[in-house]
Structure formats: C-alpha cells, structure tokens
C-alpha cells in the first residue's frame, strides 16, 4: 500500500504569495491573479515531499494536506 495525500488550498486564507507553485510546480499552479491553484488533488509518494514543502512554506497555512486511506484514492 502506498501513501497518498489529498491536497487543497483554502482560498479564504490564500493571499497569493506564490510559494506553493514556486516550490511544488508539479502539484500547484497559479490563476490569472497569482493565487495558488491545485493541479493534482491526490498525490502519491513521488510528489508527497513537494506538497509538504509547499504547505510548510505557506505563510497563511492555506495549503491543507490530508492523509488518505487506501480506498479514498
């Protein structure tokens, strides 16, 4: 069983610093105003590190990561 993580951005908290898509471009992108957008809402082990790095670097803590059970993916 491989670990999968659900990825979300709380758009009420996001202020558009852009650290998410700078640090994890495989998981996040930006919209026309520079706010983060999720590219991949469920990441496997190969992108878990990127997603965690971005979440840890977000000044507003707007990135939400949720460990998923095997049957949720």
C-alpha atoms as a PDB file:
ATOM      1  CA  UNK A   1       0.000   0.000   0.000  1.00  0.00           C
ATOM      2  CA  UNK A   2       1.414   3.380  -0.969  1.00  0.00           C
ATOM      3  CA  UNK A   3       0.746   6.594   0.882  1.00  0.00           C
ATOM      4  CA  UNK A   4      -1.486   9.093  -0.869  1.00  0.00           C
ATOM      5  CA  UNK A   5      -2.239  12.609   0.273  1.00  0.00           C
ATOM      6  CA  UNK A   6      -5.184  14.831  -0.604  1.00  0.00           C
ATOM      7  CA  UNK A   7      -4.203  18.411  -1.424  1.00  0.00           C
ATOM      8  CA  UNK A   8      -6.410  21.500  -1.137  1.00  0.00           C
ATOM      9  CA  UNK A   9      -5.972  25.255  -0.904  1.00  0.00           C
ATOM     10  CA  UNK A  10      -8.183  27.245   1.427  1.00  0.00           C
ATOM     11  CA  UNK A  11      -8.910  30.172  -0.877  1.00  0.00           C
ATOM     12  CA  UNK A  12     -10.222  32.253   2.028  1.00  0.00           C
ATOM     13  CA  UNK A  13      -6.712  32.171   3.516  1.00  0.00           C
ATOM     14  CA  UNK A  14      -4.576  32.360   0.357  1.00  0.00           C
ATOM     15  CA  UNK A  15      -3.148  35.826  -0.342  1.00  0.00           C
ATOM     16  CA  UNK A  16      -1.122  34.928  -3.434  1.00  0.00           C
ATOM     17  CA  UNK A  17       2.462  34.750  -2.191  1.00  0.00           C
ATOM     18  CA  UNK A  18       3.104  32.045  -4.796  1.00  0.00           C
ATOM     19  CA  UNK A  19       5.352  29.850  -2.715  1.00  0.00           C
ATOM     20  CA  UNK A  20       3.224  26.792  -3.429  1.00  0.00           C
ATOM     21  CA  UNK A  21       3.695  26.852  -7.189  1.00  0.00           C
ATOM     22  CA  UNK A  22       7.312  28.013  -6.901  1.00  0.00           C
ATOM     23  CA  UNK A  23       8.235  25.111  -4.608  1.00  0.00           C
ATOM     24  CA  UNK A  24       5.910  22.421  -5.972  1.00  0.00           C
ATOM     25  CA  UNK A  25       5.168  23.169  -9.644  1.00  0.00           C
ATOM     26  CA  UNK A  26       4.054  19.584 -10.260  1.00  0.00           C
ATOM     27  CA  UNK A  27       1.272  19.976  -7.691  1.00  0.00           C
ATOM     28  CA  UNK A  28       0.286  23.668  -7.895  1.00  0.00           C
ATOM     29  CA  UNK A  29      -0.111  26.418 -10.456  1.00  0.00           C
ATOM     30  CA  UNK A  30      -1.369  29.981 -10.303  1.00  0.00           C
ATOM     31  CA  UNK A  31      -4.503  31.634 -11.591  1.00  0.00           C
ATOM     32  CA  UNK A  32      -4.683  34.886 -13.562  1.00  0.00           C
ATOM     33  CA  UNK A  33      -4.332  36.897 -10.325  1.00  0.00           C
ATOM     34  CA  UNK A  34      -1.363  34.933  -8.948  1.00  0.00           C
ATOM     35  CA  UNK A  35      -3.286  32.879  -6.408  1.00  0.00           C
ATOM     36  CA  UNK A  36      -2.393  29.225  -5.958  1.00  0.00           C
ATOM     37  CA  UNK A  37      -4.430  26.514  -7.630  1.00  0.00           C
ATOM     38  CA  UNK A  38      -4.162  22.755  -7.150  1.00  0.00           C
ATOM     39  CA  UNK A  39      -3.115  20.810 -10.242  1.00  0.00           C
ATOM     40  CA  UNK A  40      -3.219  17.371  -8.626  1.00  0.00           C
ATOM     41  CA  UNK A  41      -5.660  16.895  -5.755  1.00  0.00           C
ATOM     42  CA  UNK A  42      -4.359  13.445  -4.797  1.00  0.00           C
ATOM     43  CA  UNK A  43      -0.613  12.952  -4.812  1.00  0.00           C
ATOM     44  CA  UNK A  44       1.309   9.735  -4.473  1.00  0.00           C
ATOM     45  CA  UNK A  45       4.658   9.153  -2.806  1.00  0.00           C
ATOM     46  CA  UNK A  46       6.609  10.715  -5.678  1.00  0.00           C
ATOM     47  CA  UNK A  47       5.048  14.163  -5.030  1.00  0.00           C
ATOM     48  CA  UNK A  48       4.359  13.980  -1.299  1.00  0.00           C
ATOM     49  CA  UNK A  49       7.628  15.734  -0.459  1.00  0.00           C
ATOM     50  CA  UNK A  50       6.875  18.632  -2.817  1.00  0.00           C
ATOM     51  CA  UNK A  51       3.369  19.040  -1.399  1.00  0.00           C
ATOM     52  CA  UNK A  52       4.662  19.018   2.187  1.00  0.00           C
ATOM     53  CA  UNK A  53       7.399  21.533   1.366  1.00  0.00           C
ATOM     54  CA  UNK A  54       4.857  23.906  -0.172  1.00  0.00           C
ATOM     55  CA  UNK A  55       2.462  23.505   2.758  1.00  0.00           C
ATOM     56  CA  UNK A  56       5.234  24.234   5.232  1.00  0.00           C
ATOM     57  CA  UNK A  57       6.320  27.352   3.326  1.00  0.00           C
ATOM     58  CA  UNK A  58       2.851  28.893   3.007  1.00  0.00           C
ATOM     59  CA  UNK A  59       2.764  31.973   5.282  1.00  0.00           C
ATOM     60  CA  UNK A  60      -1.024  31.757   5.709  1.00  0.00           C
ATOM     61  CA  UNK A  61      -1.105  27.970   6.132  1.00  0.00           C
ATOM     62  CA  UNK A  62      -3.639  27.888   3.314  1.00  0.00           C
ATOM     63  CA  UNK A  63      -2.493  24.515   1.971  1.00  0.00           C
ATOM     64  CA  UNK A  64      -4.350  21.592   3.506  1.00  0.00           C
ATOM     65  CA  UNK A  65      -2.877  18.099   3.310  1.00  0.00           C
ATOM     66  CA  UNK A  66      -4.876  15.056   4.315  1.00  0.00           C
ATOM     67  CA  UNK A  67      -3.573  11.528   4.553  1.00  0.00           C
ATOM     68  CA  UNK A  68      -5.956   9.310   2.600  1.00  0.00           C
ATOM     69  CA  UNK A  69      -6.982   5.762   3.353  1.00  0.00           C
ATOM     70  CA  UNK A  70      -6.222   3.272   0.595  1.00  0.00           C
ATOM     71  CA  UNK A  71      -9.875   3.178  -0.509  1.00  0.00           C
ATOM     72  CA  UNK A  72     -10.160   7.014  -0.813  1.00  0.00           C
ATOM     73  CA  UNK A  73      -7.889   7.283  -3.826  1.00  0.00           C
END
